[in-house]
């Protein structure tokens, strides 16, 4: 049995068909919703720009949030490692 299905996503004014793993369908739909919300927000707050401008603003917005989240997660992982090492040193001493 094929674990993929083809879903239709509407992003901006366009329709896209994507073959996706069944277990990731919800993530793809949520991503399309996030993109549409950001596009609508930029379109509303900055009227008169080109579609390209709105798409680029949306991409940067989402990318910056992704990078900041990754940096935050990396810092959290490092702090956990430092705490564990500190506890191990305390046990030895």
C-alpha atoms as a PDB file:
ATOM      1  CA  UNK A   1       0.000   0.000   0.000  1.00  0.00           C
ATOM      2  CA  UNK A   2       1.295   3.447  -0.914  1.00  0.00           C
ATOM      3  CA  UNK A   3       1.792   5.665   2.096  1.00  0.00           C
ATOM      4  CA  UNK A   4       1.396   8.833  -0.011  1.00  0.00           C
ATOM      5  CA  UNK A   5      -1.626  10.802  -1.015  1.00  0.00           C
ATOM      6  CA  UNK A   6      -2.016  13.814  -3.244  1.00  0.00           C
ATOM      7  CA  UNK A   7      -3.485  16.827  -1.511  1.00  0.00           C
ATOM      8  CA  UNK A   8      -4.590  20.150  -2.935  1.00  0.00           C
ATOM      9  CA  UNK A   9      -3.337  23.244  -1.158  1.00  0.00           C
ATOM     10  CA  UNK A  10      -4.394  26.795  -1.863  1.00  0.00           C
ATOM     11  CA  UNK A  11      -1.574  29.262  -1.252  1.00  0.00           C
ATOM     12  CA  UNK A  12      -2.364  32.828  -2.152  1.00  0.00           C
ATOM     13  CA  UNK A  13      -4.383  32.824  -5.342  1.00  0.00           C
ATOM     14  CA  UNK A  14      -2.932  29.547  -6.598  1.00  0.00           C
ATOM     15  CA  UNK A  15      -3.758  25.888  -6.230  1.00  0.00           C
ATOM     16  CA  UNK A  16      -0.986  23.344  -5.730  1.00  0.00           C
ATOM     17  CA  UNK A  17      -1.166  19.567  -5.738  1.00  0.00           C
ATOM     18  CA  UNK A  18       1.414  17.805  -3.593  1.00  0.00           C
ATOM     19  CA  UNK A  19       2.059  14.106  -3.088  1.00  0.00           C
ATOM     20  CA  UNK A  20       2.788  13.838   0.634  1.00  0.00           C
ATOM     21  CA  UNK A  21       3.217  11.059   3.171  1.00  0.00           C
ATOM     22  CA  UNK A  22      -0.120  10.443   4.858  1.00  0.00           C
ATOM     23  CA  UNK A  23       1.344  11.107   8.289  1.00  0.00           C
ATOM     24  CA  UNK A  24       2.513  14.575   7.163  1.00  0.00           C
ATOM     25  CA  UNK A  25      -0.727  15.773   5.594  1.00  0.00           C
ATOM     26  CA  UNK A  26      -1.697  17.864   8.610  1.00  0.00           C
ATOM     27  CA  UNK A  27       1.717  19.582   8.656  1.00  0.00           C
ATOM     28  CA  UNK A  28       1.426  20.520   4.972  1.00  0.00           C
ATOM     29  CA  UNK A  29      -2.048  21.920   5.493  1.00  0.00           C
ATOM     30  CA  UNK A  30      -0.908  23.867   8.559  1.00  0.00           C
ATOM     31  CA  UNK A  31       2.044  25.253   6.581  1.00  0.00           C
ATOM     32  CA  UNK A  32      -0.277  26.431   3.796  1.00  0.00           C
ATOM     33  CA  UNK A  33      -2.521  28.099   6.383  1.00  0.00           C
ATOM     34  CA  UNK A  34       0.469  29.823   8.002  1.00  0.00           C
ATOM     35  CA  UNK A  35       1.670  31.118   4.635  1.00  0.00           C
ATOM     36  CA  UNK A  36      -1.815  32.395   3.764  1.00  0.00           C
ATOM     37  CA  UNK A  37      -2.169  34.144   7.127  1.00  0.00           C
ATOM     38  CA  UNK A  38       1.198  35.874   6.718  1.00  0.00           C
ATOM     39  CA  UNK A  39       0.453  36.851   3.108  1.00  0.00           C
ATOM     40  CA  UNK A  40      -2.891  38.324   4.158  1.00  0.00           C
ATOM     41  CA  UNK A  41      -1.276  40.243   7.010  1.00  0.00           C
ATOM     42  CA  UNK A  42       1.400  41.764   4.767  1.00  0.00           C
ATOM     43  CA  UNK A  43      -1.135  42.547   2.032  1.00  0.00           C
ATOM     44  CA  UNK A  44      -3.376  44.312   4.549  1.00  0.00           C
ATOM     45  CA  UNK A  45      -0.635  46.277   6.312  1.00  0.00           C
ATOM     46  CA  UNK A  46       1.368  47.257   3.223  1.00  0.00           C
ATOM     47  CA  UNK A  47      -1.076  47.882   0.379  1.00  0.00           C
ATOM     48  CA  UNK A  48       0.174  48.647  -3.094  1.00  0.00           C
ATOM     49  CA  UNK A  49       3.178  46.321  -3.108  1.00  0.00           C
ATOM     50  CA  UNK A  50       3.769  43.597  -5.667  1.00  0.00           C
ATOM     51  CA  UNK A  51       2.909  39.946  -5.137  1.00  0.00           C
ATOM     52  CA  UNK A  52       6.637  39.275  -5.153  1.00  0.00           C
ATOM     53  CA  UNK A  53       7.133  41.749  -2.279  1.00  0.00           C
ATOM     54  CA  UNK A  54       4.447  40.021  -0.210  1.00  0.00           C
ATOM     55  CA  UNK A  55       5.896  36.575  -0.922  1.00  0.00           C
ATOM     56  CA  UNK A  56       9.418  37.697   0.015  1.00  0.00           C
ATOM     57  CA  UNK A  57       8.204  39.333   3.235  1.00  0.00           C
ATOM     58  CA  UNK A  58       6.341  36.145   4.120  1.00  0.00           C
ATOM     59  CA  UNK A  59       9.373  33.988   3.372  1.00  0.00           C
ATOM     60  CA  UNK A  60      11.660  36.150   5.507  1.00  0.00           C
ATOM     61  CA  UNK A  61       9.139  36.250   8.346  1.00  0.00           C
ATOM     62  CA  UNK A  62       8.821  32.467   8.455  1.00  0.00           C
ATOM     63  CA  UNK A  63      12.559  31.863   7.902  1.00  0.00           C
ATOM     64  CA  UNK A  64      13.573  34.226  10.718  1.00  0.00           C
ATOM     65  CA  UNK A  65      11.145  32.557  13.097  1.00  0.00           C
ATOM     66  CA  UNK A  66      12.505  29.151  12.084  1.00  0.00           C
ATOM     67  CA  UNK A  67      16.124  30.231  12.574  1.00  0.00           C
ATOM     68  CA  UNK A  68      15.382  31.905  15.897  1.00  0.00           C
ATOM     69  CA  UNK A  69      13.569  28.795  17.064  1.00  0.00           C
ATOM     70  CA  UNK A  70      16.485  26.621  16.009  1.00  0.00           C
ATOM     71  CA  UNK A  71      18.955  28.883  17.799  1.00  0.00           C
ATOM     72  CA  UNK A  72      16.763  28.783  20.897  1.00  0.00           C
ATOM     73  CA  UNK A  73      16.550  24.983  20.712  1.00  0.00           C
ATOM     74  CA  UNK A  74      20.320  24.714  20.226  1.00  0.00           C
ATOM     75  CA  UNK A  75      20.898  26.898  23.295  1.00  0.00           C
ATOM     76  CA  UNK A  76      18.479  24.787  25.323  1.00  0.00           C
ATOM     77  CA  UNK A  77      20.271  21.603  24.258  1.00  0.00           C
ATOM     78  CA  UNK A  78      23.657  23.089  25.176  1.00  0.00           C
ATOM     79  CA  UNK A  79      22.405  24.180  28.605  1.00  0.00           C
ATOM     80  CA  UNK A  80      21.062  20.685  29.259  1.00  0.00           C
ATOM     81  CA  UNK A  81      24.442  19.192  28.348  1.00  0.00           C
ATOM     82  CA  UNK A  82      26.278  21.645  30.595  1.00  0.00           C
ATOM     83  CA  UNK A  83      23.961  20.843  33.510  1.00  0.00           C
ATOM     84  CA  UNK A  84      24.497  17.104  33.036  1.00  0.00           C
ATOM     85  CA  UNK A  85      28.278  17.537  32.883  1.00  0.00           C
ATOM     86  CA  UNK A  86      28.179  19.733  35.971  1.00  0.00           C
ATOM     87  CA  UNK A  87      26.168  17.117  37.854  1.00  0.00           C
ATOM     88  CA  UNK A  88      28.620  14.398  36.812  1.00  0.00           C
ATOM     89  CA  UNK A  89      31.573  16.517  37.989  1.00  0.00           C
ATOM     90  CA  UNK A  90      29.832  17.157  41.317  1.00  0.00           C
ATOM     91  CA  UNK A  91      29.339  13.423  41.778  1.00  0.00           C
ATOM     92  CA  UNK A  92      33.037  12.748  41.168  1.00  0.00           C
ATOM     93  CA  UNK A  93      34.183  15.465  43.543  1.00  0.00           C
END
